[in-house]
Amino acid sequence: MKRSKSIQRHFSTTFKKEKVELIDQGKINVKAVSQIYDVSETAIYNWKKKYSKYSKSERVVVEKISEENKNIELLKCIAKLERIVGKKQLELDYYKTTVEKLSEEAGEDLEKKYKPKS
């Protein structure tokens, strides 16, 4: 069996910094970068040590509580909007019923008679 000759590649500092920034932002992980660019994970971790804006002891933490609070606020907003839509639907039903009753009493179709022309 023949051994394939490995080609040594060099990546620019800008390229490395871009990939490390994407990893720091959580847009991509080390394994994905490794597979896409055919680079060892060890090399990428070395890039992180060298170019990351976070120190080795620093960690980025996404707090579940803040996400939970955000979801609760969104649910409250949805409930408020549903109440408003329900109230408007009741008003609309009331006006339709009123027009129907008045049309019956007048003996003619008031909705058709007074409907604005488009």
PDB file of N, CA and C in Angstrom:
ATOM      1  N   MET A   1       0.821  -1.173   0.000  1.00  0.00           N
ATOM      2  CA  MET A   1       0.000   0.000   0.000  1.00  0.00           C
ATOM      3  C   MET A   1       0.871   1.244   0.000  1.00  0.00           C
ATOM      4  N   LYS A   2       0.491   2.174  -0.827  1.00  0.00           N
ATOM      5  CA  LYS A   2       1.246   3.421  -0.892  1.00  0.00           C
ATOM      6  C   LYS A   2       0.673   4.403   0.113  1.00  0.00           C
ATOM      7  N   ARG A   3       1.556   5.097   0.712  1.00  0.00           N
ATOM      8  CA  ARG A   3       1.144   6.157   1.632  1.00  0.00           C
ATOM      9  C   ARG A   3       0.943   7.428   0.840  1.00  0.00           C
ATOM     10  N   SER A   4      -0.183   8.066   1.089  1.00  0.00           N
ATOM     11  CA  SER A   4      -0.403   9.325   0.385  1.00  0.00           C
ATOM     12  C   SER A   4       0.448  10.402   1.050  1.00  0.00           C
ATOM     13  N   LYS A   5       1.046  11.168   0.222  1.00  0.00           N
ATOM     14  CA  LYS A   5       1.914  12.224   0.725  1.00  0.00           C
ATOM     15  C   LYS A   5       1.052  13.348   1.275  1.00  0.00           C
ATOM     16  N   SER A   6       1.260  13.688   2.515  1.00  0.00           N
ATOM     17  CA  SER A   6       0.461  14.759   3.111  1.00  0.00           C
ATOM     18  C   SER A   6       1.024  16.106   2.694  1.00  0.00           C
ATOM     19  N   ILE A   7       0.111  16.980   2.414  1.00  0.00           N
ATOM     20  CA  ILE A   7       0.488  18.325   1.996  1.00  0.00           C
ATOM     21  C   ILE A   7       0.387  19.235   3.206  1.00  0.00           C
ATOM     22  N   GLN A   8       1.445  19.949   3.461  1.00  0.00           N
ATOM     23  CA  GLN A   8       1.419  20.870   4.582  1.00  0.00           C
ATOM     24  C   GLN A   8       0.852  22.191   4.093  1.00  0.00           C
ATOM     25  N   ARG A   9      -0.235  22.598   4.756  1.00  0.00           N
ATOM     26  CA  ARG A   9      -0.890  23.842   4.367  1.00  0.00           C
ATOM     27  C   ARG A   9      -0.680  24.876   5.454  1.00  0.00           C
ATOM     28  N   HIS A  10      -0.706  26.119   5.042  1.00  0.00           N
ATOM     29  CA  HIS A  10      -0.572  27.219   5.992  1.00  0.00           C
ATOM     30  C   HIS A  10      -1.786  28.120   5.825  1.00  0.00           C
ATOM     31  N   PHE A  11      -2.447  28.421   6.947  1.00  0.00           N
ATOM     32  CA  PHE A  11      -3.621  29.290   6.929  1.00  0.00           C
ATOM     33  C   PHE A  11      -3.206  30.671   7.409  1.00  0.00           C
ATOM     34  N   SER A  12      -3.776  31.687   6.809  1.00  0.00           N
ATOM     35  CA  SER A  12      -3.430  33.054   7.194  1.00  0.00           C
ATOM     36  C   SER A  12      -3.963  33.356   8.594  1.00  0.00           C
ATOM     37  N   THR A  13      -3.356  34.315   9.218  1.00  0.00           N
ATOM     38  CA  THR A  13      -3.781  34.741  10.550  1.00  0.00           C
ATOM     39  C   THR A  13      -5.218  35.248  10.512  1.00  0.00           C
ATOM     40  N   THR A  14      -5.566  35.960   9.466  1.00  0.00           N
ATOM     41  CA  THR A  14      -6.927  36.482   9.324  1.00  0.00           C
ATOM     42  C   THR A  14      -7.935  35.339   9.277  1.00  0.00           C
ATOM     43  N   PHE A  15      -7.611  34.316   8.502  1.00  0.00           N
ATOM     44  CA  PHE A  15      -8.482  33.148   8.385  1.00  0.00           C
ATOM     45  C   PHE A  15      -8.683  32.500   9.756  1.00  0.00           C
ATOM     46  N   LYS A  16      -7.588  32.302  10.457  1.00  0.00           N
ATOM     47  CA  LYS A  16      -7.658  31.664  11.775  1.00  0.00           C
ATOM     48  C   LYS A  16      -8.502  32.493  12.741  1.00  0.00           C
ATOM     49  N   LYS A  17      -8.276  33.809  12.731  1.00  0.00           N
ATOM     50  CA  LYS A  17      -9.032  34.696  13.626  1.00  0.00           C
ATOM     51  C   LYS A  17     -10.525  34.655  13.308  1.00  0.00           C
ATOM     52  N   GLU A  18     -10.867  34.618  12.021  1.00  0.00           N
ATOM     53  CA  GLU A  18     -12.279  34.547  11.624  1.00  0.00           C
ATOM     54  C   GLU A  18     -12.933  33.278  12.151  1.00  0.00           C
ATOM     55  N   LYS A  19     -12.240  32.162  11.988  1.00  0.00           N
ATOM     56  CA  LYS A  19     -12.802  30.877  12.430  1.00  0.00           C
ATOM     57  C   LYS A  19     -12.918  30.825  13.955  1.00  0.00           C
ATOM     58  N   VAL A  20     -11.944  31.357  14.645  1.00  0.00           N
ATOM     59  CA  VAL A  20     -11.989  31.387  16.110  1.00  0.00           C
ATOM     60  C   VAL A  20     -13.141  32.277  16.581  1.00  0.00           C
ATOM     61  N   GLU A  21     -13.352  33.393  15.900  1.00  0.00           N
ATOM     62  CA  GLU A  21     -14.450  34.293  16.263  1.00  0.00           C
ATOM     63  C   GLU A  21     -15.802  33.598  16.077  1.00  0.00           C
ATOM     64  N   LEU A  22     -15.946  32.863  14.988  1.00  0.00           N
ATOM     65  CA  LEU A  22     -17.187  32.111  14.759  1.00  0.00           C
ATOM     66  C   LEU A  22     -17.413  31.071  15.855  1.00  0.00           C
ATOM     67  N   ILE A  23     -16.338  30.434  16.264  1.00  0.00           N
ATOM     68  CA  ILE A  23     -16.430  29.440  17.341  1.00  0.00           C
ATOM     69  C   ILE A  23     -16.803  30.127  18.648  1.00  0.00           C
ATOM     70  N   ASP A  24     -16.176  31.270  18.945  1.00  0.00           N
ATOM     71  CA  ASP A  24     -16.483  32.009  20.174  1.00  0.00           C
ATOM     72  C   ASP A  24     -17.933  32.473  20.212  1.00  0.00           C
ATOM     73  N   GLN A  25     -18.480  32.828  19.054  1.00  0.00           N
ATOM     74  CA  GLN A  25     -19.868  33.294  18.981  1.00  0.00           C
ATOM     75  C   GLN A  25     -20.864  32.137  19.024  1.00  0.00           C
ATOM     76  N   GLY A  26     -20.373  30.922  18.895  1.00  0.00           N
ATOM     77  CA  GLY A  26     -21.244  29.760  18.939  1.00  0.00           C
ATOM     78  C   GLY A  26     -21.932  29.470  17.614  1.00  0.00           C
ATOM     79  N   LYS A  27     -21.480  30.085  16.547  1.00  0.00           N
ATOM     80  CA  LYS A  27     -22.093  29.866  15.237  1.00  0.00           C
ATOM     81  C   LYS A  27     -21.643  28.549  14.614  1.00  0.00           C
ATOM     82  N   ILE A  28     -20.494  28.065  15.024  1.00  0.00           N
ATOM     83  CA  ILE A  28     -19.958  26.809  14.519  1.00  0.00           C
ATOM     84  C   ILE A  28     -19.105  26.200  15.622  1.00  0.00           C
ATOM     85  N   ASN A  29     -18.925  24.898  15.578  1.00  0.00           N
ATOM     86  CA  ASN A  29     -18.095  24.283  16.617  1.00  0.00           C
ATOM     87  C   ASN A  29     -16.764  23.801  16.022  1.00  0.00           C
ATOM     88  N   VAL A  30     -15.863  23.411  16.894  1.00  0.00           N
ATOM     89  CA  VAL A  30     -14.507  23.024  16.494  1.00  0.00           C
ATOM     90  C   VAL A  30     -14.556  21.840  15.535  1.00  0.00           C
ATOM     91  N   LYS A  31     -15.398  20.880  15.831  1.00  0.00           N
ATOM     92  CA  LYS A  31     -15.472  19.676  15.000  1.00  0.00           C
ATOM     93  C   LYS A  31     -15.896  20.022  13.572  1.00  0.00           C
ATOM     94  N   ALA A  32     -16.866  20.915  13.439  1.00  0.00           N
ATOM     95  CA  ALA A  32     -17.337  21.313  12.104  1.00  0.00           C
ATOM     96  C   ALA A  32     -16.234  22.015  11.319  1.00  0.00           C
ATOM     97  N   VAL A  33     -15.515  22.924  11.965  1.00  0.00           N
ATOM     98  CA  VAL A  33     -14.409  23.621  11.302  1.00  0.00           C
ATOM     99  C   VAL A  33     -13.355  22.603  10.880  1.00  0.00           C
ATOM    100  N   SER A  34     -13.088  21.652  11.743  1.00  0.00           N
ATOM    101  CA  SER A  34     -12.109  20.615  11.450  1.00  0.00           C
ATOM    102  C   SER A  34     -12.498  19.814  10.207  1.00  0.00           C
ATOM    103  N   GLN A  35     -13.771  19.454  10.116  1.00  0.00           N
ATOM    104  CA  GLN A  35     -14.231  18.658   8.973  1.00  0.00           C
ATOM    105  C   GLN A  35     -14.282  19.488   7.692  1.00  0.00           C
ATOM    106  N   ILE A  36     -14.750  20.716   7.780  1.00  0.00           N
ATOM    107  CA  ILE A  36     -14.894  21.556   6.590  1.00  0.00           C
ATOM    108  C   ILE A  36     -13.537  21.858   5.954  1.00  0.00           C
ATOM    109  N   TYR A  37     -12.557  22.216   6.780  1.00  0.00           N
ATOM    110  CA  TYR A  37     -11.268  22.656   6.254  1.00  0.00           C
ATOM    111  C   TYR A  37     -10.182  21.588   6.348  1.00  0.00           C
ATOM    112  N   ASP A  38     -10.571  20.390   6.767  1.00  0.00           N
ATOM    113  CA  ASP A  38      -9.648  19.264   6.875  1.00  0.00           C
ATOM    114  C   ASP A  38      -8.411  19.632   7.696  1.00  0.00           C
ATOM    115  N   VAL A  39      -8.677  20.133   8.900  1.00  0.00           N
ATOM    116  CA  VAL A  39      -7.639  20.526   9.846  1.00  0.00           C
ATOM    117  C   VAL A  39      -7.893  19.756  11.133  1.00  0.00           C
ATOM    118  N   SER A  40      -6.847  19.389  11.833  1.00  0.00           N
ATOM    119  CA  SER A  40      -7.039  18.650  13.075  1.00  0.00           C
ATOM    120  C   SER A  40      -7.676  19.541  14.143  1.00  0.00           C
ATOM    121  N   GLU A  41      -8.446  18.910  14.987  1.00  0.00           N
ATOM    122  CA  GLU A  41      -9.084  19.654  16.078  1.00  0.00           C
ATOM    123  C   GLU A  41      -8.031  20.267  16.994  1.00  0.00           C
ATOM    124  N   THR A  42      -6.930  19.574  17.165  1.00  0.00           N
ATOM    125  CA  THR A  42      -5.839  20.088  18.004  1.00  0.00           C
ATOM    126  C   THR A  42      -5.321  21.413  17.457  1.00  0.00           C
ATOM    127  N   ALA A  43      -5.172  21.487  16.151  1.00  0.00           N
ATOM    128  CA  ALA A  43      -4.703  22.733  15.534  1.00  0.00           C
ATOM    129  C   ALA A  43      -5.696  23.860  15.790  1.00  0.00           C
ATOM    130  N   ILE A  44      -6.985  23.539  15.705  1.00  0.00           N
ATOM    131  CA  ILE A  44      -8.004  24.571  15.921  1.00  0.00           C
ATOM    132  C   ILE A  44      -8.009  25.019  17.373  1.00  0.00           C
ATOM    133  N   TYR A  45      -7.829  24.085  18.298  1.00  0.00           N
ATOM    134  CA  TYR A  45      -7.744  24.475  19.713  1.00  0.00           C
ATOM    135  C   TYR A  45      -6.513  25.349  19.951  1.00  0.00           C
ATOM    136  N   ASN A  46      -5.445  25.098  19.232  1.00  0.00           N
ATOM    137  CA  ASN A  46      -4.258  25.962  19.338  1.00  0.00           C
ATOM    138  C   ASN A  46      -4.567  27.363  18.807  1.00  0.00           C
ATOM    139  N   TRP A  47      -5.341  27.436  17.720  1.00  0.00           N
ATOM    140  CA  TRP A  47      -5.759  28.739  17.205  1.00  0.00           C
ATOM    141  C   TRP A  47      -6.576  29.467  18.256  1.00  0.00           C
ATOM    142  N   LYS A  48      -7.472  28.714  18.918  1.00  0.00           N
ATOM    143  CA  LYS A  48      -8.319  29.333  19.954  1.00  0.00           C
ATOM    144  C   LYS A  48      -7.469  29.905  21.080  1.00  0.00           C
ATOM    145  N   LYS A  49      -6.474  29.155  21.519  1.00  0.00           N
ATOM    146  CA  LYS A  49      -5.605  29.638  22.593  1.00  0.00           C
ATOM    147  C   LYS A  49      -4.912  30.929  22.183  1.00  0.00           C
ATOM    148  N   LYS A  50      -4.513  30.977  20.931  1.00  0.00           N
ATOM    149  CA  LYS A  50      -3.727  32.104  20.455  1.00  0.00           C
ATOM    150  C   LYS A  50      -4.584  33.322  20.099  1.00  0.00           C
ATOM    151  N   TYR A  51      -5.765  33.113  19.500  1.00  0.00           N
ATOM    152  CA  TYR A  51      -6.522  34.224  18.936  1.00  0.00           C
ATOM    153  C   TYR A  51      -7.865  34.520  19.605  1.00  0.00           C
ATOM    154  N   SER A  52      -8.280  33.704  20.540  1.00  0.00           N
ATOM    155  CA  SER A  52      -9.587  33.918  21.150  1.00  0.00           C
ATOM    156  C   SER A  52      -9.583  35.163  22.026  1.00  0.00           C
ATOM    157  N   LYS A  53     -10.715  35.862  22.014  1.00  0.00           N
ATOM    158  CA  LYS A  53     -10.820  37.055  22.851  1.00  0.00           C
ATOM    159  C   LYS A  53     -11.097  36.679  24.305  1.00  0.00           C
ATOM    160  N   TYR A  54     -11.400  35.413  24.541  1.00  0.00           N
ATOM    161  CA  TYR A  54     -11.637  34.935  25.902  1.00  0.00           C
ATOM    162  C   TYR A  54     -10.388  34.221  26.395  1.00  0.00           C
ATOM    163  N   SER A  55     -10.063  34.468  27.642  1.00  0.00           N
ATOM    164  CA  SER A  55      -8.904  33.775  28.191  1.00  0.00           C
ATOM    165  C   SER A  55      -9.288  32.325  28.475  1.00  0.00           C
ATOM    166  N   LYS A  56      -8.308  31.513  28.763  1.00  0.00           N
ATOM    167  CA  LYS A  56      -8.549  30.080  28.981  1.00  0.00           C
ATOM    168  C   LYS A  56      -9.482  29.847  30.164  1.00  0.00           C
ATOM    169  N   SER A  57      -9.381  30.672  31.193  1.00  0.00           N
ATOM    170  CA  SER A  57     -10.204  30.478  32.387  1.00  0.00           C
ATOM    171  C   SER A  57     -11.596  31.100  32.244  1.00  0.00           C
ATOM    172  N   GLU A  58     -11.777  31.931  31.219  1.00  0.00           N
ATOM    173  CA  GLU A  58     -13.057  32.592  31.009  1.00  0.00           C
ATOM    174  C   GLU A  58     -14.006  31.666  30.270  1.00  0.00           C
ATOM    175  N   ARG A  59     -15.274  31.737  30.636  1.00  0.00           N
ATOM    176  CA  ARG A  59     -16.284  30.930  29.964  1.00  0.00           C
ATOM    177  C   ARG A  59     -17.451  31.815  29.580  1.00  0.00           C
ATOM    178  N   VAL A  60     -18.062  31.480  28.469  1.00  0.00           N
ATOM    179  CA  VAL A  60     -19.256  32.182  28.038  1.00  0.00           C
ATOM    180  C   VAL A  60     -20.442  31.366  28.537  1.00  0.00           C
ATOM    181  N   VAL A  61     -21.295  32.002  29.326  1.00  0.00           N
ATOM    182  CA  VAL A  61     -22.427  31.297  29.913  1.00  0.00           C
ATOM    183  C   VAL A  61     -23.715  31.930  29.409  1.00  0.00           C
ATOM    184  N   VAL A  62     -24.598  31.097  28.855  1.00  0.00           N
ATOM    185  CA  VAL A  62     -25.920  31.555  28.464  1.00  0.00           C
ATOM    186  C   VAL A  62     -26.841  31.137  29.592  1.00  0.00           C
ATOM    187  N   GLU A  63     -27.409  32.121  30.247  1.00  0.00           N
ATOM    188  CA  GLU A  63     -28.229  31.817  31.402  1.00  0.00           C
ATOM    189  C   GLU A  63     -29.619  31.383  30.981  1.00  0.00           C
ATOM    190  N   LYS A  64     -30.022  30.267  31.522  1.00  0.00           N
ATOM    191  CA  LYS A  64     -31.337  29.730  31.222  1.00  0.00           C
ATOM    192  C   LYS A  64     -32.422  30.642  31.790  1.00  0.00           C
ATOM    193  N   ILE A  65     -32.124  31.277  32.912  1.00  0.00           N
ATOM    194  CA  ILE A  65     -33.113  32.137  33.570  1.00  0.00           C
ATOM    195  C   ILE A  65     -33.480  33.305  32.662  1.00  0.00           C
ATOM    196  N   SER A  66     -32.492  33.920  32.033  1.00  0.00           N
ATOM    197  CA  SER A  66     -32.791  35.063  31.171  1.00  0.00           C
ATOM    198  C   SER A  66     -33.622  34.620  29.970  1.00  0.00           C
ATOM    199  N   GLU A  67     -33.323  33.460  29.417  1.00  0.00           N
ATOM    200  CA  GLU A  67     -34.112  32.927  28.308  1.00  0.00           C
ATOM    201  C   GLU A  67     -35.530  32.612  28.781  1.00  0.00           C
ATOM    202  N   GLU A  68     -35.626  32.098  29.977  1.00  0.00           N
ATOM    203  CA  GLU A  68     -36.939  31.760  30.542  1.00  0.00           C
ATOM    204  C   GLU A  68     -37.769  33.029  30.744  1.00  0.00           C
ATOM    205  N   ASN A  69     -37.138  34.073  31.273  1.00  0.00           N
ATOM    206  CA  ASN A  69     -37.840  35.349  31.463  1.00  0.00           C
ATOM    207  C   ASN A  69     -38.295  35.929  30.126  1.00  0.00           C
ATOM    208  N   LYS A  70     -37.449  35.812  29.135  1.00  0.00           N
ATOM    209  CA  LYS A  70     -37.791  36.309  27.802  1.00  0.00           C
ATOM    210  C   LYS A  70     -39.013  35.557  27.269  1.00  0.00           C
ATOM    211  N   ASN A  71     -39.032  34.248  27.441  1.00  0.00           N
ATOM    212  CA  ASN A  71     -40.168  33.444  26.979  1.00  0.00           C
ATOM    213  C   ASN A  71     -41.444  33.799  27.727  1.00  0.00           C
ATOM    214  N   ILE A  72     -41.338  34.048  29.022  1.00  0.00           N
ATOM    215  CA  ILE A  72     -42.512  34.424  29.821  1.00  0.00           C
ATOM    216  C   ILE A  72     -43.068  35.754  29.328  1.00  0.00           C
ATOM    217  N   GLU A  73     -42.181  36.715  29.053  1.00  0.00           N
ATOM    218  CA  GLU A  73     -42.622  38.013  28.544  1.00  0.00           C
ATOM    219  C   GLU A  73     -43.318  37.866  27.196  1.00  0.00           C
ATOM    220  N   LEU A  74     -42.762  37.029  26.330  1.00  0.00           N
ATOM    221  CA  LEU A  74     -43.377  36.804  25.018  1.00  0.00           C
ATOM    222  C   LEU A  74     -44.749  36.146  25.157  1.00  0.00           C
ATOM    223  N   LEU A  75     -44.871  35.203  26.082  1.00  0.00           N
ATOM    224  CA  LEU A  75     -46.166  34.546  26.307  1.00  0.00           C
ATOM    225  C   LEU A  75     -47.199  35.545  26.838  1.00  0.00           C
ATOM    226  N   LYS A  76     -46.758  36.460  27.715  1.00  0.00           N
ATOM    227  CA  LYS A  76     -47.666  37.489  28.222  1.00  0.00           C
ATOM    228  C   LYS A  76     -48.131  38.406  27.092  1.00  0.00           C
ATOM    229  N   CYS A  77     -47.206  38.751  26.210  1.00  0.00           N
ATOM    230  CA  CYS A  77     -47.535  39.609  25.075  1.00  0.00           C
ATOM    231  C   CYS A  77     -48.533  38.908  24.150  1.00  0.00           C
ATOM    232  N   ILE A  78     -48.337  37.626  23.906  1.00  0.00           N
ATOM    233  CA  ILE A  78     -49.263  36.857  23.071  1.00  0.00           C
ATOM    234  C   ILE A  78     -50.648  36.828  23.700  1.00  0.00           C
ATOM    235  N   ALA A  79     -50.707  36.590  25.007  1.00  0.00           N
ATOM    236  CA  ALA A  79     -52.002  36.545  25.706  1.00  0.00           C
ATOM    237  C   ALA A  79     -52.714  37.887  25.598  1.00  0.00           C
ATOM    238  N   LYS A  80     -51.970  38.975  25.742  1.00  0.00           N
ATOM    239  CA  LYS A  80     -52.552  40.320  25.640  1.00  0.00           C
ATOM    240  C   LYS A  80     -53.132  40.552  24.247  1.00  0.00           C
ATOM    241  N   LEU A  81     -52.377  40.179  23.228  1.00  0.00           N
ATOM    242  CA  LEU A  81     -52.842  40.352  21.857  1.00  0.00           C
ATOM    243  C   LEU A  81     -54.065  39.485  21.565  1.00  0.00           C
ATOM    244  N   GLU A  82     -54.084  38.271  22.125  1.00  0.00           N
ATOM    245  CA  GLU A  82     -55.253  37.400  21.945  1.00  0.00           C
ATOM    246  C   GLU A  82     -56.497  38.011  22.589  1.00  0.00           C
ATOM    247  N   ARG A  83     -56.334  38.639  23.756  1.00  0.00           N
ATOM    248  CA  ARG A  83     -57.463  39.314  24.408  1.00  0.00           C
ATOM    249  C   ARG A  83     -57.984  40.463  23.550  1.00  0.00           C
ATOM    250  N   ILE A  84     -57.070  41.236  22.977  1.00  0.00           N
ATOM    251  CA  ILE A  84     -57.465  42.364  22.131  1.00  0.00           C
ATOM    252  C   ILE A  84     -58.232  41.876  20.904  1.00  0.00           C
ATOM    253  N   VAL A  85     -57.711  40.823  20.263  1.00  0.00           N
ATOM    254  CA  VAL A  85     -58.386  40.278  19.087  1.00  0.00           C
ATOM    255  C   VAL A  85     -59.762  39.742  19.468  1.00  0.00           C
ATOM    256  N   GLY A  86     -59.880  39.074  20.603  1.00  0.00           N
ATOM    257  CA  GLY A  86     -61.164  38.555  21.071  1.00  0.00           C
ATOM    258  C   GLY A  86     -62.163  39.669  21.310  1.00  0.00           C
ATOM    259  N   LYS A  87     -61.693  40.750  21.919  1.00  0.00           N
ATOM    260  CA  LYS A  87     -62.563  41.900  22.199  1.00  0.00           C
ATOM    261  C   LYS A  87     -63.058  42.529  20.896  1.00  0.00           C
ATOM    262  N   LYS A  88     -62.167  42.679  19.934  1.00  0.00           N
ATOM    263  CA  LYS A  88     -62.548  43.253  18.638  1.00  0.00           C
ATOM    264  C   LYS A  88     -63.537  42.335  17.910  1.00  0.00           C
ATOM    265  N   GLN A  89     -63.368  41.028  18.037  1.00  0.00           N
ATOM    266  CA  GLN A  89     -64.292  40.090  17.406  1.00  0.00           C
ATOM    267  C   GLN A  89     -65.685  40.208  18.024  1.00  0.00           C
ATOM    268  N   LEU A  90     -65.731  40.374  19.354  1.00  0.00           N
ATOM    269  CA  LEU A  90     -67.029  40.565  20.015  1.00  0.00           C
ATOM    270  C   LEU A  90     -67.709  41.853  19.529  1.00  0.00           C
ATOM    271  N   GLU A  91     -66.946  42.925  19.401  1.00  0.00           N
ATOM    272  CA  GLU A  91     -67.497  44.186  18.900  1.00  0.00           C
ATOM    273  C   GLU A  91     -68.024  44.016  17.478  1.00  0.00           C
ATOM    274  N   LEU A  92     -67.273  43.339  16.648  1.00  0.00           N
ATOM    275  CA  LEU A  92     -67.673  43.109  15.266  1.00  0.00           C
ATOM    276  C   LEU A  92     -68.965  42.294  15.200  1.00  0.00           C
ATOM    277  N   ASP A  93     -69.044  41.237  16.017  1.00  0.00           N
ATOM    278  CA  ASP A  93     -70.260  40.421  16.065  1.00  0.00           C
ATOM    279  C   ASP A  93     -71.458  41.255  16.518  1.00  0.00           C
ATOM    280  N   TYR A  94     -71.250  42.132  17.507  1.00  0.00           N
ATOM    281  CA  TYR A  94     -72.319  42.991  18.012  1.00  0.00           C
ATOM    282  C   TYR A  94     -72.835  43.922  16.909  1.00  0.00           C
ATOM    283  N   TYR A  95     -71.900  44.554  16.176  1.00  0.00           N
ATOM    284  CA  TYR A  95     -72.301  45.475  15.114  1.00  0.00           C
ATOM    285  C   TYR A  95     -73.012  44.745  13.980  1.00  0.00           C
ATOM    286  N   LYS A  96     -72.556  43.555  13.628  1.00  0.00           N
ATOM    287  CA  LYS A  96     -73.216  42.778  12.573  1.00  0.00           C
ATOM    288  C   LYS A  96     -74.643  42.409  12.981  1.00  0.00           C
ATOM    289  N   THR A  97     -74.798  41.977  14.236  1.00  0.00           N
ATOM    290  CA  THR A  97     -76.123  41.616  14.732  1.00  0.00           C
ATOM    291  C   THR A  97     -77.041  42.833  14.750  1.00  0.00           C
ATOM    292  N   THR A  98     -76.510  43.973  15.166  1.00  0.00           N
ATOM    293  CA  THR A  98     -77.301  45.212  15.213  1.00  0.00           C
ATOM    294  C   THR A  98     -77.766  45.595  13.806  1.00  0.00           C
ATOM    295  N   VAL A  99     -76.888  45.530  12.828  1.00  0.00           N
ATOM    296  CA  VAL A  99     -77.245  45.872  11.452  1.00  0.00           C
ATOM    297  C   VAL A  99     -78.301  44.899  10.926  1.00  0.00           C
ATOM    298  N   GLU A 100     -78.163  43.617  11.253  1.00  0.00           N
ATOM    299  CA  GLU A 100     -79.153  42.620  10.817  1.00  0.00           C
ATOM    300  C   GLU A 100     -80.527  42.919  11.408  1.00  0.00           C
ATOM    301  N   LYS A 101     -80.590  43.235  12.697  1.00  0.00           N
ATOM    302  CA  LYS A 101     -81.861  43.537  13.370  1.00  0.00           C
ATOM    303  C   LYS A 101     -82.494  44.796  12.790  1.00  0.00           C
ATOM    304  N   LEU A 102     -81.696  45.838  12.563  1.00  0.00           N
ATOM    305  CA  LEU A 102     -82.214  47.070  11.992  1.00  0.00           C
ATOM    306  C   LEU A 102     -82.707  46.848  10.564  1.00  0.00           C
ATOM    307  N   SER A 103     -81.993  45.988   9.825  1.00  0.00           N
ATOM    308  CA  SER A 103     -82.417  45.670   8.461  1.00  0.00           C
ATOM    309  C   SER A 103     -83.771  44.961   8.465  1.00  0.00           C
ATOM    310  N   GLU A 104     -83.977  44.054   9.430  1.00  0.00           N
ATOM    311  CA  GLU A 104     -85.261  43.343   9.548  1.00  0.00           C
ATOM    312  C   GLU A 104     -86.389  44.331   9.851  1.00  0.00           C
ATOM    313  N   GLU A 105     -86.131  45.258  10.787  1.00  0.00           N
ATOM    314  CA  GLU A 105     -87.152  46.234  11.174  1.00  0.00           C
ATOM    315  C   GLU A 105     -87.456  47.212  10.033  1.00  0.00           C
ATOM    316  N   ALA A 106     -86.441  47.595   9.284  1.00  0.00           N
ATOM    317  CA  ALA A 106     -86.637  48.547   8.193  1.00  0.00           C
ATOM    318  C   ALA A 106     -87.210  47.864   6.954  1.00  0.00           C
ATOM    319  N   GLY A 107     -87.072  46.562   6.873  1.00  0.00           N
ATOM    320  CA  GLY A 107     -87.580  45.819   5.732  1.00  0.00           C
ATOM    321  C   GLY A 107     -86.711  45.938   4.496  1.00  0.00           C
ATOM    322  N   GLU A 108     -85.502  46.395   4.634  1.00  0.00           N
ATOM    323  CA  GLU A 108     -84.577  46.468   3.507  1.00  0.00           C
ATOM    324  C   GLU A 108     -83.154  46.155   4.001  1.00  0.00           C
ATOM    325  N   ASP A 109     -82.289  45.850   3.080  1.00  0.00           N
ATOM    326  CA  ASP A 109     -80.903  45.487   3.424  1.00  0.00           C
ATOM    327  C   ASP A 109     -80.086  46.759   3.638  1.00  0.00           C
ATOM    328  N   LEU A 110     -79.961  47.171   4.910  1.00  0.00           N
ATOM    329  CA  LEU A 110     -79.238  48.408   5.234  1.00  0.00           C
ATOM    330  C   LEU A 110     -77.740  48.281   4.971  1.00  0.00           C
ATOM    331  N   GLU A 111     -77.216  47.094   5.162  1.00  0.00           N
ATOM    332  CA  GLU A 111     -75.783  46.894   4.942  1.00  0.00           C
ATOM    333  C   GLU A 111     -75.439  47.134   3.473  1.00  0.00           C
ATOM    334  N   LYS A 112     -76.271  46.607   2.602  1.00  0.00           N
ATOM    335  CA  LYS A 112     -76.050  46.782   1.177  1.00  0.00           C
ATOM    336  C   LYS A 112     -76.297  48.234   0.749  1.00  0.00           C
ATOM    337  N   LYS A 113     -77.338  48.835   1.347  1.00  0.00           N
ATOM    338  CA  LYS A 113     -77.728  50.195   0.975  1.00  0.00           C
ATOM    339  C   LYS A 113     -76.674  51.232   1.375  1.00  0.00           C
ATOM    340  N   TYR A 114     -76.091  51.064   2.569  1.00  0.00           N
ATOM    341  CA  TYR A 114     -75.156  52.066   3.099  1.00  0.00           C
ATOM    342  C   TYR A 114     -73.694  51.644   3.035  1.00  0.00           C
ATOM    343  N   LYS A 115     -73.418  50.532   2.366  1.00  0.00           N
ATOM    344  CA  LYS A 115     -72.048  50.063   2.274  1.00  0.00           C
ATOM    345  C   LYS A 115     -71.232  51.029   1.418  1.00  0.00           C
ATOM    346  N   PRO A 116     -70.049  51.448   1.910  1.00  0.00           N
ATOM    347  CA  PRO A 116     -69.247  52.392   1.117  1.00  0.00           C
ATOM    348  C   PRO A 116     -68.775  51.736  -0.181  1.00  0.00           C
ATOM    349  N   LYS A 117     -68.716  52.519  -1.243  1.00  0.00           N
ATOM    350  CA  LYS A 117     -68.272  51.991  -2.525  1.00  0.00           C
ATOM    351  C   LYS A 117     -66.761  51.979  -2.567  1.00  0.00           C
ATOM    352  N   SER A 118     -66.214  50.886  -3.081  1.00  0.00           N
ATOM    353  CA  SER A 118     -64.757  50.740  -3.152  1.00  0.00           C
ATOM    354  C   SER A 118     -64.204  51.272  -4.432  1.00  0.00           C
TER     355      SER A 118
END
